[in-house]
Amino acid sequence: MVRKEQNKRKSILDKLDLDSIPKSTKPLVDTKKVLKHPVTKVIICGVAIYGILKVSKYFVNAYAELIRASKNLSDARR
């Protein structure tokens, strides 16, 4: 049974003309052209700035909490 399946696979592979199939295909969208487009650059920069501001908000809040806690600690020691 296994031998018959192997023979079938071999016969199918023999019938295929693998040389006629292209080795690589061109993508539908050229990523280099997309990244060079000015609108794409504006969108990427906008998202990056938004992300930096969003993350920096948490750092500023954490630093403010640290300053507030150290001020409360120094006031408690007096």
PDB file of N, CA and C in Angstrom:
ATOM      1  N   MET A   1       0.823  -1.188   0.000  1.00  0.00           N
ATOM      2  CA  MET A   1       0.000   0.000   0.000  1.00  0.00           C
ATOM      3  C   MET A   1       0.872   1.258   0.000  1.00  0.00           C
ATOM      4  N   VAL A   2       1.864   1.275   0.851  1.00  0.00           N
ATOM      5  CA  VAL A   2       2.757   2.427   0.929  1.00  0.00           C
ATOM      6  C   VAL A   2       3.545   2.572  -0.364  1.00  0.00           C
ATOM      7  N   ARG A   3       3.931   1.465  -0.928  1.00  0.00           N
ATOM      8  CA  ARG A   3       4.718   1.496  -2.163  1.00  0.00           C
ATOM      9  C   ARG A   3       3.905   2.091  -3.321  1.00  0.00           C
ATOM     10  N   LYS A   4       2.604   1.779  -3.363  1.00  0.00           N
ATOM     11  CA  LYS A   4       1.751   2.328  -4.414  1.00  0.00           C
ATOM     12  C   LYS A   4       1.661   3.850  -4.294  1.00  0.00           C
ATOM     13  N   GLU A   5       1.535   4.335  -3.043  1.00  0.00           N
ATOM     14  CA  GLU A   5       1.458   5.785  -2.828  1.00  0.00           C
ATOM     15  C   GLU A   5       2.758   6.458  -3.255  1.00  0.00           C
ATOM     16  N   GLN A   6       3.884   5.837  -2.961  1.00  0.00           N
ATOM     17  CA  GLN A   6       5.171   6.402  -3.363  1.00  0.00           C
ATOM     18  C   GLN A   6       5.287   6.448  -4.880  1.00  0.00           C
ATOM     19  N   ASN A   7       4.816   5.403  -5.538  1.00  0.00           N
ATOM     20  CA  ASN A   7       4.846   5.380  -7.003  1.00  0.00           C
ATOM     21  C   ASN A   7       3.954   6.471  -7.584  1.00  0.00           C
ATOM     22  N   LYS A   8       2.790   6.697  -6.960  1.00  0.00           N
ATOM     23  CA  LYS A   8       1.896   7.750  -7.425  1.00  0.00           C
ATOM     24  C   LYS A   8       2.567   9.116  -7.297  1.00  0.00           C
ATOM     25  N   ARG A   9       3.231   9.333  -6.160  1.00  0.00           N
ATOM     26  CA  ARG A   9       3.911  10.611  -5.941  1.00  0.00           C
ATOM     27  C   ARG A   9       5.006  10.818  -6.975  1.00  0.00           C
ATOM     28  N   LYS A  10       5.748   9.770  -7.243  1.00  0.00           N
ATOM     29  CA  LYS A  10       6.828   9.875  -8.228  1.00  0.00           C
ATOM     30  C   LYS A  10       6.273  10.185  -9.603  1.00  0.00           C
ATOM     31  N   SER A  11       5.178   9.527  -9.960  1.00  0.00           N
ATOM     32  CA  SER A  11       4.620   9.755 -11.291  1.00  0.00           C
ATOM     33  C   SER A  11       4.068  11.172 -11.416  1.00  0.00           C
ATOM     34  N   ILE A  12       3.492  11.684 -10.357  1.00  0.00           N
ATOM     35  CA  ILE A  12       2.990  13.059 -10.392  1.00  0.00           C
ATOM     36  C   ILE A  12       4.153  14.032 -10.535  1.00  0.00           C
ATOM     37  N   LEU A  13       5.214  13.810  -9.774  1.00  0.00           N
ATOM     38  CA  LEU A  13       6.381  14.691  -9.861  1.00  0.00           C
ATOM     39  C   LEU A  13       7.038  14.612 -11.230  1.00  0.00           C
ATOM     40  N   ASP A  14       7.032  13.437 -11.824  1.00  0.00           N
ATOM     41  CA  ASP A  14       7.616  13.291 -13.162  1.00  0.00           C
ATOM     42  C   ASP A  14       6.806  14.047 -14.207  1.00  0.00           C
ATOM     43  N   LYS A  15       5.496  14.080 -14.038  1.00  0.00           N
ATOM     44  CA  LYS A  15       4.642  14.756 -15.012  1.00  0.00           C
ATOM     45  C   LYS A  15       4.712  16.282 -14.887  1.00  0.00           C
ATOM     46  N   LEU A  16       5.056  16.756 -13.713  1.00  0.00           N
ATOM     47  CA  LEU A  16       5.150  18.207 -13.529  1.00  0.00           C
ATOM     48  C   LEU A  16       6.379  18.752 -14.231  1.00  0.00           C
ATOM     49  N   ASP A  17       6.216  19.889 -14.849  1.00  0.00           N
ATOM     50  CA  ASP A  17       7.352  20.564 -15.471  1.00  0.00           C
ATOM     51  C   ASP A  17       7.802  21.671 -14.517  1.00  0.00           C
ATOM     52  N   LEU A  18       8.707  21.327 -13.611  1.00  0.00           N
ATOM     53  CA  LEU A  18       9.129  22.266 -12.580  1.00  0.00           C
ATOM     54  C   LEU A  18       9.949  23.422 -13.138  1.00  0.00           C
ATOM     55  N   ASP A  19      10.539  23.250 -14.297  1.00  0.00           N
ATOM     56  CA  ASP A  19      11.335  24.323 -14.886  1.00  0.00           C
ATOM     57  C   ASP A  19      10.469  25.470 -15.396  1.00  0.00           C
ATOM     58  N   SER A  20       9.228  25.177 -15.733  1.00  0.00           N
ATOM     59  CA  SER A  20       8.354  26.227 -16.260  1.00  0.00           C
ATOM     60  C   SER A  20       7.767  27.100 -15.152  1.00  0.00           C
ATOM     61  N   ILE A  21       7.817  26.639 -13.910  1.00  0.00           N
ATOM     62  CA  ILE A  21       7.287  27.415 -12.789  1.00  0.00           C
ATOM     63  C   ILE A  21       8.331  28.458 -12.399  1.00  0.00           C
ATOM     64  N   PRO A  22       7.948  29.733 -12.295  1.00  0.00           N
ATOM     65  CA  PRO A  22       8.929  30.757 -11.925  1.00  0.00           C
ATOM     66  C   PRO A  22       9.436  30.538 -10.496  1.00  0.00           C
ATOM     67  N   LYS A  23      10.715  30.779 -10.311  1.00  0.00           N
ATOM     68  CA  LYS A  23      11.331  30.553  -9.000  1.00  0.00           C
ATOM     69  C   LYS A  23      10.856  31.583  -7.984  1.00  0.00           C
ATOM     70  N   SER A  24      10.740  32.832  -8.400  1.00  0.00           N
ATOM     71  CA  SER A  24      10.292  33.869  -7.481  1.00  0.00           C
ATOM     72  C   SER A  24       9.228  34.717  -8.165  1.00  0.00           C
ATOM     73  N   THR A  25       8.357  35.241  -7.368  1.00  0.00           N
ATOM     74  CA  THR A  25       7.305  36.093  -7.905  1.00  0.00           C
ATOM     75  C   THR A  25       7.499  37.502  -7.376  1.00  0.00           C
ATOM     76  N   LYS A  26       7.088  38.476  -8.154  1.00  0.00           N
ATOM     77  CA  LYS A  26       7.195  39.866  -7.722  1.00  0.00           C
ATOM     78  C   LYS A  26       6.030  40.174  -6.781  1.00  0.00           C
ATOM     79  N   PRO A  27       6.304  40.910  -5.712  1.00  0.00           N
ATOM     80  CA  PRO A  27       5.204  41.292  -4.826  1.00  0.00           C
ATOM     81  C   PRO A  27       4.305  42.325  -5.502  1.00  0.00           C
ATOM     82  N   LEU A  28       3.070  42.364  -5.083  1.00  0.00           N
ATOM     83  CA  LEU A  28       2.129  43.318  -5.659  1.00  0.00           C
ATOM     84  C   LEU A  28       2.467  44.757  -5.269  1.00  0.00           C
ATOM     85  N   VAL A  29       2.987  44.936  -4.057  1.00  0.00           N
ATOM     86  CA  VAL A  29       3.318  46.266  -3.562  1.00  0.00           C
ATOM     87  C   VAL A  29       4.814  46.319  -3.305  1.00  0.00           C
ATOM     88  N   ASP A  30       5.460  47.340  -3.845  1.00  0.00           N
ATOM     89  CA  ASP A  30       6.888  47.520  -3.616  1.00  0.00           C
ATOM     90  C   ASP A  30       7.064  48.309  -2.319  1.00  0.00           C
ATOM     91  N   THR A  31       7.624  47.667  -1.291  1.00  0.00           N
ATOM     92  CA  THR A  31       7.719  48.303   0.021  1.00  0.00           C
ATOM     93  C   THR A  31       8.662  49.493   0.017  1.00  0.00           C
ATOM     94  N   LYS A  32       9.697  49.468  -0.788  1.00  0.00           N
ATOM     95  CA  LYS A  32      10.619  50.602  -0.836  1.00  0.00           C
ATOM     96  C   LYS A  32       9.912  51.852  -1.342  1.00  0.00           C
ATOM     97  N   LYS A  33       9.069  51.681  -2.354  1.00  0.00           N
ATOM     98  CA  LYS A  33       8.326  52.829  -2.876  1.00  0.00           C
ATOM     99  C   LYS A  33       7.324  53.338  -1.847  1.00  0.00           C
ATOM    100  N   VAL A  34       6.714  52.428  -1.133  1.00  0.00           N
ATOM    101  CA  VAL A  34       5.732  52.834  -0.125  1.00  0.00           C
ATOM    102  C   VAL A  34       6.409  53.614   0.988  1.00  0.00           C
ATOM    103  N   LEU A  35       7.577  53.145   1.439  1.00  0.00           N
ATOM    104  CA  LEU A  35       8.266  53.823   2.533  1.00  0.00           C
ATOM    105  C   LEU A  35       8.846  55.166   2.110  1.00  0.00           C
ATOM    106  N   LYS A  36       9.139  55.346   0.834  1.00  0.00           N
ATOM    107  CA  LYS A  36       9.682  56.615   0.353  1.00  0.00           C
ATOM    108  C   LYS A  36       8.592  57.661   0.113  1.00  0.00           C
ATOM    109  N   HIS A  37       7.344  57.252   0.101  1.00  0.00           N
ATOM    110  CA  HIS A  37       6.251  58.179  -0.168  1.00  0.00           C
ATOM    111  C   HIS A  37       6.108  59.168   1.000  1.00  0.00           C
ATOM    112  N   PRO A  38       5.927  60.468   0.711  1.00  0.00           N
ATOM    113  CA  PRO A  38       5.864  61.470   1.784  1.00  0.00           C
ATOM    114  C   PRO A  38       4.706  61.261   2.766  1.00  0.00           C
ATOM    115  N   VAL A  39       3.578  60.806   2.280  1.00  0.00           N
ATOM    116  CA  VAL A  39       2.439  60.586   3.183  1.00  0.00           C
ATOM    117  C   VAL A  39       2.766  59.479   4.177  1.00  0.00           C
ATOM    118  N   THR A  40       3.425  58.451   3.712  1.00  0.00           N
ATOM    119  CA  THR A  40       3.812  57.356   4.602  1.00  0.00           C
ATOM    120  C   THR A  40       4.794  57.849   5.654  1.00  0.00           C
ATOM    121  N   LYS A  41       5.731  58.700   5.247  1.00  0.00           N
ATOM    122  CA  LYS A  41       6.699  59.250   6.204  1.00  0.00           C
ATOM    123  C   LYS A  41       5.992  60.069   7.278  1.00  0.00           C
ATOM    124  N   VAL A  42       5.009  60.875   6.880  1.00  0.00           N
ATOM    125  CA  VAL A  42       4.268  61.688   7.846  1.00  0.00           C
ATOM    126  C   VAL A  42       3.503  60.797   8.816  1.00  0.00           C
ATOM    127  N   ILE A  43       2.889  59.747   8.304  1.00  0.00           N
ATOM    128  CA  ILE A  43       2.131  58.836   9.169  1.00  0.00           C
ATOM    129  C   ILE A  43       3.057  58.127  10.147  1.00  0.00           C
ATOM    130  N   ILE A  44       4.192  57.650   9.664  1.00  0.00           N
ATOM    131  CA  ILE A  44       5.138  56.946  10.541  1.00  0.00           C
ATOM    132  C   ILE A  44       5.671  57.885  11.616  1.00  0.00           C
ATOM    133  N   CYS A  45       6.030  59.109  11.226  1.00  0.00           N
ATOM    134  CA  CYS A  45       6.530  60.082  12.208  1.00  0.00           C
ATOM    135  C   CYS A  45       5.442  60.432  13.220  1.00  0.00           C
ATOM    136  N   GLY A  46       4.222  60.591  12.753  1.00  0.00           N
ATOM    137  CA  GLY A  46       3.119  60.903  13.663  1.00  0.00           C
ATOM    138  C   GLY A  46       2.881  59.803  14.675  1.00  0.00           C
ATOM    139  N   VAL A  47       2.905  58.569  14.215  1.00  0.00           N
ATOM    140  CA  VAL A  47       2.711  57.435  15.124  1.00  0.00           C
ATOM    141  C   VAL A  47       3.868  57.344  16.114  1.00  0.00           C
ATOM    142  N   ALA A  48       5.086  57.600  15.646  1.00  0.00           N
ATOM    143  CA  ALA A  48       6.252  57.540  16.537  1.00  0.00           C
ATOM    144  C   ALA A  48       6.172  58.626  17.608  1.00  0.00           C
ATOM    145  N   ILE A  49       5.817  59.839  17.211  1.00  0.00           N
ATOM    146  CA  ILE A  49       5.710  60.937  18.182  1.00  0.00           C
ATOM    147  C   ILE A  49       4.587  60.654  19.176  1.00  0.00           C
ATOM    148  N   TYR A  50       3.464  60.167  18.678  1.00  0.00           N
ATOM    149  CA  TYR A  50       2.351  59.823  19.566  1.00  0.00           C
ATOM    150  C   TYR A  50       2.780  58.756  20.575  1.00  0.00           C
ATOM    151  N   GLY A  51       3.501  57.746  20.110  1.00  0.00           N
ATOM    152  CA  GLY A  51       3.963  56.691  21.008  1.00  0.00           C
ATOM    153  C   GLY A  51       4.928  57.206  22.061  1.00  0.00           C
ATOM    154  N   ILE A  52       5.835  58.088  21.641  1.00  0.00           N
ATOM    155  CA  ILE A  52       6.798  58.655  22.596  1.00  0.00           C
ATOM    156  C   ILE A  52       6.075  59.485  23.649  1.00  0.00           C
ATOM    157  N   LEU A  53       5.113  60.301  23.217  1.00  0.00           N
ATOM    158  CA  LEU A  53       4.363  61.116  24.173  1.00  0.00           C
ATOM    159  C   LEU A  53       3.522  60.255  25.107  1.00  0.00           C
ATOM    160  N   LYS A  54       2.943  59.204  24.568  1.00  0.00           N
ATOM    161  CA  LYS A  54       2.109  58.317  25.385  1.00  0.00           C
ATOM    162  C   LYS A  54       2.944  57.622  26.462  1.00  0.00           C
ATOM    163  N   VAL A  55       4.123  57.150  26.082  1.00  0.00           N
ATOM    164  CA  VAL A  55       4.991  56.455  27.035  1.00  0.00           C
ATOM    165  C   VAL A  55       5.611  57.440  28.018  1.00  0.00           C
ATOM    166  N   SER A  56       5.992  58.629  27.538  1.00  0.00           N
ATOM    167  CA  SER A  56       6.637  59.599  28.421  1.00  0.00           C
ATOM    168  C   SER A  56       5.679  60.081  29.504  1.00  0.00           C
ATOM    169  N   LYS A  57       4.381  60.048  29.229  1.00  0.00           N
ATOM    170  CA  LYS A  57       3.395  60.437  30.237  1.00  0.00           C
ATOM    171  C   LYS A  57       3.542  59.566  31.482  1.00  0.00           C
ATOM    172  N   TYR A  58       3.763  58.284  31.293  1.00  0.00           N
ATOM    173  CA  TYR A  58       3.903  57.379  32.430  1.00  0.00           C
ATOM    174  C   TYR A  58       5.202  57.647  33.189  1.00  0.00           C
ATOM    175  N   PHE A  59       6.270  57.975  32.467  1.00  0.00           N
ATOM    176  CA  PHE A  59       7.531  58.290  33.135  1.00  0.00           C
ATOM    177  C   PHE A  59       7.414  59.577  33.934  1.00  0.00           C
ATOM    178  N   VAL A  60       6.748  60.586  33.378  1.00  0.00           N
ATOM    179  CA  VAL A  60       6.575  61.857  34.084  1.00  0.00           C
ATOM    180  C   VAL A  60       5.723  61.650  35.328  1.00  0.00           C
ATOM    181  N   ASN A  61       4.657  60.879  35.212  1.00  0.00           N
ATOM    182  CA  ASN A  61       3.810  60.609  36.379  1.00  0.00           C
ATOM    183  C   ASN A  61       4.576  59.845  37.453  1.00  0.00           C
ATOM    184  N   ALA A  62       5.379  58.886  37.056  1.00  0.00           N
ATOM    185  CA  ALA A  62       6.165  58.120  38.028  1.00  0.00           C
ATOM    186  C   ALA A  62       7.192  59.015  38.712  1.00  0.00           C
ATOM    187  N   TYR A  63       7.818  59.913  37.952  1.00  0.00           N
ATOM    188  CA  TYR A  63       8.802  60.828  38.532  1.00  0.00           C
ATOM    189  C   TYR A  63       8.115  61.800  39.492  1.00  0.00           C
ATOM    190  N   ALA A  64       6.930  62.278  39.122  1.00  0.00           N
ATOM    191  CA  ALA A  64       6.187  63.183  40.000  1.00  0.00           C
ATOM    192  C   ALA A  64       5.806  62.478  41.299  1.00  0.00           C
ATOM    193  N   GLU A  65       5.412  61.223  41.209  1.00  0.00           N
ATOM    194  CA  GLU A  65       5.101  60.448  42.413  1.00  0.00           C
ATOM    195  C   GLU A  65       6.334  60.282  43.293  1.00  0.00           C
ATOM    196  N   LEU A  66       7.486  60.072  42.680  1.00  0.00           N
ATOM    197  CA  LEU A  66       8.731  59.929  43.432  1.00  0.00           C
ATOM    198  C   LEU A  66       9.071  61.223  44.158  1.00  0.00           C
ATOM    199  N   ILE A  67       8.945  62.353  43.474  1.00  0.00           N
ATOM    200  CA  ILE A  67       9.226  63.652  44.094  1.00  0.00           C
ATOM    201  C   ILE A  67       8.237  63.908  45.232  1.00  0.00           C
ATOM    202  N   ARG A  68       6.964  63.622  44.999  1.00  0.00           N
ATOM    203  CA  ARG A  68       5.933  63.827  46.017  1.00  0.00           C
ATOM    204  C   ARG A  68       6.206  62.949  47.237  1.00  0.00           C
ATOM    205  N   ALA A  69       6.598  61.701  47.007  1.00  0.00           N
ATOM    206  CA  ALA A  69       6.873  60.789  48.120  1.00  0.00           C
ATOM    207  C   ALA A  69       8.098  61.239  48.900  1.00  0.00           C
ATOM    208  N   SER A  70       9.139  61.688  48.195  1.00  0.00           N
ATOM    209  CA  SER A  70      10.337  62.142  48.908  1.00  0.00           C
ATOM    210  C   SER A  70      10.052  63.430  49.675  1.00  0.00           C
ATOM    211  N   LYS A  71       9.195  64.298  49.143  1.00  0.00           N
ATOM    212  CA  LYS A  71       8.827  65.531  49.849  1.00  0.00           C
ATOM    213  C   LYS A  71       8.024  65.200  51.102  1.00  0.00           C
ATOM    214  N   ASN A  72       7.087  64.260  50.977  1.00  0.00           N
ATOM    215  CA  ASN A  72       6.303  63.836  52.140  1.00  0.00           C
ATOM    216  C   ASN A  72       7.192  63.194  53.193  1.00  0.00           C
ATOM    217  N   LEU A  73       8.192  62.448  52.768  1.00  0.00           N
ATOM    218  CA  LEU A  73       9.108  61.807  53.704  1.00  0.00           C
ATOM    219  C   LEU A  73       9.942  62.843  54.442  1.00  0.00           C
ATOM    220  N   SER A  74      10.422  63.851  53.715  1.00  0.00           N
ATOM    221  CA  SER A  74      11.229  64.890  54.376  1.00  0.00           C
ATOM    222  C   SER A  74      10.363  65.733  55.305  1.00  0.00           C
ATOM    223  N   ASP A  75       9.096  65.964  54.947  1.00  0.00           N
ATOM    224  CA  ASP A  75       8.195  66.708  55.832  1.00  0.00           C
ATOM    225  C   ASP A  75       7.868  65.894  57.078  1.00  0.00           C
ATOM    226  N   ALA A  76       7.771  64.595  56.951  1.00  0.00           N
ATOM    227  CA  ALA A  76       7.449  63.736  58.091  1.00  0.00           C
ATOM    228  C   ALA A  76       8.612  63.660  59.066  1.00  0.00           C
ATOM    229  N   ARG A  77       9.835  63.822  58.600  1.00  0.00           N
ATOM    230  CA  ARG A  77      11.009  63.747  59.475  1.00  0.00           C
ATOM    231  C   ARG A  77      11.175  65.018  60.303  1.00  0.00           C
ATOM    232  N   ARG A  78      10.598  66.130  59.869  1.00  0.00           N
ATOM    233  CA  ARG A  78      10.760  67.403  60.599  1.00  0.00           C
ATOM    234  C   ARG A  78       9.956  67.446  61.819  1.00  0.00           C
TER     235      ARG A  78
END
